[in-house]
Amino acid sequence: AVVSSLGSGKTAKYCSSQTKDILTYNGNELDIQINYGMLLLSILCWCFTVLRVFNTIPDFCWFTFSCLYILFGVQIGICLFVKCIGISGVWCAMVGFAYRMWVHTPADPVLANKLIVFATFGSYLWANFHYFRAEGNFTTICHIIATWMGYEANNIWVKSHQQREEKQRGKVK
């Protein structure tokens, strides 16, 4: 019976409906504005911090779109599993990744880039404070975990990037 119900269109229809609710916050306009605004800021921050380590724009774009695809997939999967809504895990992870990149790479001399990064970090703190007050501890803990996962993903990525560069230098010598 389980196999036949999974084979029917009911599961796909349920997931499609749930995914729409996840991505639209069940129509809550304040949540849509906060979260998609934070997504936009986190993408800008990501661009200004991560782009500095790539040699070509296509490599950067491929990396960025791959990460967004994975983050949205994980976010939607978690929401379907625990029956929550939202995309905040995506922007929290992106901010964590960008924060680690910002802290552990040479300073960016361009003032506009610094302003975007600081605006993003400030907005990140404001949004998390808002959701702590509005939603409580569980949402805040989830945001902290997503941010930490982005930070650690950057740590892993930097190490693999350094190893790849060392291998390439070894081949050149």
C-alpha atoms as a PDB file:
ATOM      1  CA  ALA A   1       0.000   0.000   0.000  1.00  0.00           C
ATOM      2  CA  VAL A   2       2.867   2.375   0.795  1.00  0.00           C
ATOM      3  CA  VAL A   3       4.544   1.791  -2.550  1.00  0.00           C
ATOM      4  CA  SER A   4       1.349   2.370  -4.509  1.00  0.00           C
ATOM      5  CA  SER A   5       0.585   5.606  -2.665  1.00  0.00           C
ATOM      6  CA  LEU A   6       4.110   6.861  -3.336  1.00  0.00           C
ATOM      7  CA  GLY A   7       3.722   5.931  -6.978  1.00  0.00           C
ATOM      8  CA  SER A   8       0.577   7.996  -7.314  1.00  0.00           C
ATOM      9  CA  GLY A   9       0.529  11.710  -7.947  1.00  0.00           C
ATOM     10  CA  LYS A  10      -0.541  12.430  -4.349  1.00  0.00           C
ATOM     11  CA  THR A  11       3.017  12.632  -3.031  1.00  0.00           C
ATOM     12  CA  ALA A  12       4.202  14.904  -5.828  1.00  0.00           C
ATOM     13  CA  LYS A  13       1.138  17.128  -5.418  1.00  0.00           C
ATOM     14  CA  TYR A  14       1.682  17.289  -1.632  1.00  0.00           C
ATOM     15  CA  CYS A  15       5.371  18.184  -2.026  1.00  0.00           C
ATOM     16  CA  SER A  16       4.562  20.809  -4.646  1.00  0.00           C
ATOM     17  CA  SER A  17       1.941  22.428  -2.427  1.00  0.00           C
ATOM     18  CA  GLN A  18       4.206  22.290   0.620  1.00  0.00           C
ATOM     19  CA  THR A  19       7.140  23.712  -1.330  1.00  0.00           C
ATOM     20  CA  LYS A  20       4.979  26.652  -2.409  1.00  0.00           C
ATOM     21  CA  ASP A  21       4.018  27.253   1.233  1.00  0.00           C
ATOM     22  CA  ILE A  22       7.663  26.995   2.304  1.00  0.00           C
ATOM     23  CA  LEU A  23       8.855  29.497  -0.286  1.00  0.00           C
ATOM     24  CA  THR A  24       5.968  31.951   0.223  1.00  0.00           C
ATOM     25  CA  TYR A  25       5.666  31.775   4.024  1.00  0.00           C
ATOM     26  CA  ASN A  26       2.003  30.876   3.601  1.00  0.00           C
ATOM     27  CA  GLY A  27       1.462  34.406   2.281  1.00  0.00           C
ATOM     28  CA  ASN A  28       2.837  36.254   5.334  1.00  0.00           C
ATOM     29  CA  GLU A  29       4.042  39.483   3.716  1.00  0.00           C
ATOM     30  CA  LEU A  30       6.306  40.598   6.580  1.00  0.00           C
ATOM     31  CA  ASP A  31       8.155  37.259   6.543  1.00  0.00           C
ATOM     32  CA  ILE A  32       8.429  37.420   2.740  1.00  0.00           C
ATOM     33  CA  GLN A  33       9.888  40.931   2.871  1.00  0.00           C
ATOM     34  CA  ILE A  34      12.344  40.153   5.667  1.00  0.00           C
ATOM     35  CA  ASN A  35      13.551  36.838   4.287  1.00  0.00           C
ATOM     36  CA  TYR A  36      13.793  37.686   0.607  1.00  0.00           C
ATOM     37  CA  GLY A  37      15.419  41.006   1.549  1.00  0.00           C
ATOM     38  CA  MET A  38      17.930  39.082   3.629  1.00  0.00           C
ATOM     39  CA  LEU A  39      18.436  36.634   0.763  1.00  0.00           C
ATOM     40  CA  LEU A  40      19.223  39.531  -1.580  1.00  0.00           C
ATOM     41  CA  LEU A  41      21.617  41.116   0.929  1.00  0.00           C
ATOM     42  CA  SER A  42      23.305  37.790   1.635  1.00  0.00           C
ATOM     43  CA  ILE A  43      23.799  37.166  -2.097  1.00  0.00           C
ATOM     44  CA  LEU A  44      25.345  40.641  -2.481  1.00  0.00           C
ATOM     45  CA  CYS A  45      27.552  40.052   0.547  1.00  0.00           C
ATOM     46  CA  TRP A  46      28.483  36.628  -0.838  1.00  0.00           C
ATOM     47  CA  CYS A  47      29.441  38.215  -4.158  1.00  0.00           C
ATOM     48  CA  PHE A  48      31.651  40.850  -2.585  1.00  0.00           C
ATOM     49  CA  THR A  49      33.418  38.423  -0.257  1.00  0.00           C
ATOM     50  CA  VAL A  50      33.662  35.218  -2.298  1.00  0.00           C
ATOM     51  CA  LEU A  51      34.353  36.719  -5.736  1.00  0.00           C
ATOM     52  CA  ARG A  52      37.738  37.948  -4.522  1.00  0.00           C
ATOM     53  CA  VAL A  53      39.170  34.414  -4.426  1.00  0.00           C
ATOM     54  CA  PHE A  54      38.056  33.277  -7.886  1.00  0.00           C
ATOM     55  CA  ASN A  55      40.148  33.766 -10.999  1.00  0.00           C
ATOM     56  CA  THR A  56      37.231  33.871 -13.432  1.00  0.00           C
ATOM     57  CA  ILE A  57      33.625  35.009 -13.328  1.00  0.00           C
ATOM     58  CA  PRO A  58      32.308  31.699 -14.797  1.00  0.00           C
ATOM     59  CA  ASP A  59      34.000  29.722 -11.981  1.00  0.00           C
ATOM     60  CA  PHE A  60      32.483  32.060  -9.416  1.00  0.00           C
ATOM     61  CA  CYS A  61      29.014  31.835 -11.007  1.00  0.00           C
ATOM     62  CA  TRP A  62      29.153  28.041 -11.211  1.00  0.00           C
ATOM     63  CA  PHE A  63      30.195  27.842  -7.554  1.00  0.00           C
ATOM     64  CA  THR A  64      27.543  30.326  -6.409  1.00  0.00           C
ATOM     65  CA  PHE A  65      24.641  28.734  -8.301  1.00  0.00           C
ATOM     66  CA  SER A  66      25.720  25.266  -7.156  1.00  0.00           C
ATOM     67  CA  CYS A  67      25.752  26.426  -3.544  1.00  0.00           C
ATOM     68  CA  LEU A  68      22.349  28.113  -3.876  1.00  0.00           C
ATOM     69  CA  TYR A  69      20.899  24.981  -5.471  1.00  0.00           C
ATOM     70  CA  ILE A  70      22.217  22.818  -2.626  1.00  0.00           C
ATOM     71  CA  LEU A  71      21.128  25.274   0.087  1.00  0.00           C
ATOM     72  CA  PHE A  72      17.589  25.575  -1.262  1.00  0.00           C
ATOM     73  CA  GLY A  73      17.381  21.794  -1.661  1.00  0.00           C
ATOM     74  CA  VAL A  74      18.477  21.220   1.927  1.00  0.00           C
ATOM     75  CA  GLN A  75      16.165  23.980   3.216  1.00  0.00           C
ATOM     76  CA  ILE A  76      13.112  22.612   1.402  1.00  0.00           C
ATOM     77  CA  GLY A  77      13.979  19.044   2.421  1.00  0.00           C
ATOM     78  CA  ILE A  78      14.264  20.012   6.084  1.00  0.00           C
ATOM     79  CA  CYS A  79      11.011  21.986   5.932  1.00  0.00           C
ATOM     80  CA  LEU A  80       9.170  19.068   4.326  1.00  0.00           C
ATOM     81  CA  PHE A  81      10.556  16.732   6.989  1.00  0.00           C
ATOM     82  CA  VAL A  82       9.880  18.853  10.101  1.00  0.00           C
ATOM     83  CA  LYS A  83       6.866  20.716   8.680  1.00  0.00           C
ATOM     84  CA  CYS A  84       8.228  24.241   8.872  1.00  0.00           C
ATOM     85  CA  ILE A  85       8.230  27.083   6.357  1.00  0.00           C
ATOM     86  CA  GLY A  86      10.827  29.547   5.134  1.00  0.00           C
ATOM     87  CA  ILE A  87      14.158  30.155   3.466  1.00  0.00           C
ATOM     88  CA  SER A  88      16.022  31.635   6.413  1.00  0.00           C
ATOM     89  CA  GLY A  89      18.405  28.692   6.550  1.00  0.00           C
ATOM     90  CA  VAL A  90      19.657  29.684   3.098  1.00  0.00           C
ATOM     91  CA  TRP A  91      20.523  33.265   3.941  1.00  0.00           C
ATOM     92  CA  CYS A  92      21.877  32.338   7.375  1.00  0.00           C
ATOM     93  CA  ALA A  93      24.248  29.787   5.812  1.00  0.00           C
ATOM     94  CA  MET A  94      25.304  32.289   3.147  1.00  0.00           C
ATOM     95  CA  VAL A  95      26.028  34.929   5.777  1.00  0.00           C
ATOM     96  CA  GLY A  96      28.042  32.390   7.811  1.00  0.00           C
ATOM     97  CA  PHE A  97      30.043  31.440   4.723  1.00  0.00           C
ATOM     98  CA  ALA A  98      30.617  35.085   3.763  1.00  0.00           C
ATOM     99  CA  TYR A  99      31.521  36.048   7.336  1.00  0.00           C
ATOM    100  CA  ARG A 100      34.261  33.450   7.511  1.00  0.00           C
ATOM    101  CA  MET A 101      35.533  34.530   4.102  1.00  0.00           C
ATOM    102  CA  TRP A 102      35.516  38.174   5.186  1.00  0.00           C
ATOM    103  CA  VAL A 103      37.381  37.455   8.412  1.00  0.00           C
ATOM    104  CA  HIS A 104      40.017  35.128   6.936  1.00  0.00           C
ATOM    105  CA  THR A 105      40.950  36.893   3.691  1.00  0.00           C
ATOM    106  CA  PRO A 106      42.866  40.125   3.185  1.00  0.00           C
ATOM    107  CA  ALA A 107      40.829  43.268   3.717  1.00  0.00           C
ATOM    108  CA  ASP A 108      38.839  44.560   0.777  1.00  0.00           C
ATOM    109  CA  PRO A 109      39.960  48.123  -0.019  1.00  0.00           C
ATOM    110  CA  VAL A 110      36.692  49.116  -1.734  1.00  0.00           C
ATOM    111  CA  LEU A 111      34.447  51.098   0.627  1.00  0.00           C
ATOM    112  CA  ALA A 112      31.214  50.099  -1.159  1.00  0.00           C
ATOM    113  CA  ASN A 113      32.027  46.419  -0.621  1.00  0.00           C
ATOM    114  CA  LYS A 114      32.641  47.039   3.069  1.00  0.00           C
ATOM    115  CA  LEU A 115      29.338  48.881   3.376  1.00  0.00           C
ATOM    116  CA  ILE A 116      27.418  46.004   1.759  1.00  0.00           C
ATOM    117  CA  VAL A 117      29.116  43.501   4.060  1.00  0.00           C
ATOM    118  CA  PHE A 118      28.462  45.532   7.205  1.00  0.00           C
ATOM    119  CA  ALA A 119      24.872  46.254   6.140  1.00  0.00           C
ATOM    120  CA  THR A 120      24.350  42.530   5.647  1.00  0.00           C
ATOM    121  CA  PHE A 121      25.830  41.591   9.011  1.00  0.00           C
ATOM    122  CA  GLY A 122      23.815  44.314  10.743  1.00  0.00           C
ATOM    123  CA  SER A 123      20.613  43.214   8.993  1.00  0.00           C
ATOM    124  CA  TYR A 124      21.415  39.604   9.861  1.00  0.00           C
ATOM    125  CA  LEU A 125      21.597  40.505  13.550  1.00  0.00           C
ATOM    126  CA  TRP A 126      18.385  42.560  13.335  1.00  0.00           C
ATOM    127  CA  ALA A 127      16.475  39.776  11.521  1.00  0.00           C
ATOM    128  CA  ASN A 128      17.595  37.176  14.035  1.00  0.00           C
ATOM    129  CA  PHE A 129      16.640  39.433  16.936  1.00  0.00           C
ATOM    130  CA  HIS A 130      13.238  39.984  15.301  1.00  0.00           C
ATOM    131  CA  TYR A 131      12.673  36.241  14.864  1.00  0.00           C
ATOM    132  CA  PHE A 132      13.885  35.536  18.397  1.00  0.00           C
ATOM    133  CA  ARG A 133      11.199  37.892  19.689  1.00  0.00           C
ATOM    134  CA  ALA A 134       8.501  36.788  17.228  1.00  0.00           C
ATOM    135  CA  GLU A 135       9.143  33.049  16.949  1.00  0.00           C
ATOM    136  CA  GLY A 136      11.142  32.097  20.021  1.00  0.00           C
ATOM    137  CA  ASN A 137      14.097  29.890  20.761  1.00  0.00           C
ATOM    138  CA  PHE A 138      13.610  27.127  18.191  1.00  0.00           C
ATOM    139  CA  THR A 139      13.842  29.453  15.183  1.00  0.00           C
ATOM    140  CA  THR A 140      16.838  31.256  16.689  1.00  0.00           C
ATOM    141  CA  ILE A 141      18.644  27.969  17.327  1.00  0.00           C
ATOM    142  CA  CYS A 142      17.939  26.870  13.737  1.00  0.00           C
ATOM    143  CA  HIS A 143      19.352  30.184  12.446  1.00  0.00           C
ATOM    144  CA  ILE A 144      22.478  29.799  14.567  1.00  0.00           C
ATOM    145  CA  ILE A 145      22.980  26.220  13.341  1.00  0.00           C
ATOM    146  CA  ALA A 146      22.522  27.288   9.696  1.00  0.00           C
ATOM    147  CA  THR A 147      25.002  30.146  10.162  1.00  0.00           C
ATOM    148  CA  TRP A 148      27.519  27.816  11.797  1.00  0.00           C
ATOM    149  CA  MET A 149      27.069  25.301   8.970  1.00  0.00           C
ATOM    150  CA  GLY A 150      27.802  28.042   6.404  1.00  0.00           C
ATOM    151  CA  TYR A 151      30.877  29.091   8.378  1.00  0.00           C
ATOM    152  CA  GLU A 152      32.136  25.501   8.578  1.00  0.00           C
ATOM    153  CA  ALA A 153      31.331  24.843   4.907  1.00  0.00           C
ATOM    154  CA  ASN A 154      33.588  27.773   4.082  1.00  0.00           C
ATOM    155  CA  ASN A 155      36.291  26.326   6.315  1.00  0.00           C
ATOM    156  CA  ILE A 156      36.128  23.014   4.437  1.00  0.00           C
ATOM    157  CA  TRP A 157      35.977  24.778   1.074  1.00  0.00           C
ATOM    158  CA  VAL A 158      39.020  26.960   1.866  1.00  0.00           C
ATOM    159  CA  LYS A 159      41.062  23.912   2.869  1.00  0.00           C
ATOM    160  CA  SER A 160      40.132  22.026  -0.310  1.00  0.00           C
ATOM    161  CA  HIS A 161      40.818  25.158  -2.388  1.00  0.00           C
ATOM    162  CA  GLN A 162      44.285  25.471  -0.794  1.00  0.00           C
ATOM    163  CA  GLN A 163      45.041  21.784  -1.397  1.00  0.00           C
ATOM    164  CA  ARG A 164      44.030  22.106  -5.047  1.00  0.00           C
ATOM    165  CA  GLU A 165      46.289  25.143  -5.474  1.00  0.00           C
ATOM    166  CA  GLU A 166      49.186  23.305  -3.834  1.00  0.00           C
ATOM    167  CA  LYS A 167      48.711  20.361  -6.183  1.00  0.00           C
ATOM    168  CA  GLN A 168      48.629  22.692  -9.178  1.00  0.00           C
ATOM    169  CA  ARG A 169      51.826  24.411  -8.028  1.00  0.00           C
ATOM    170  CA  GLY A 170      53.443  20.997  -7.578  1.00  0.00           C
ATOM    171  CA  LYS A 171      52.595  20.107 -11.184  1.00  0.00           C
ATOM    172  CA  VAL A 172      54.031  23.374 -12.456  1.00  0.00           C
ATOM    173  CA  LYS A 173      57.411  22.935 -10.735  1.00  0.00           C
END
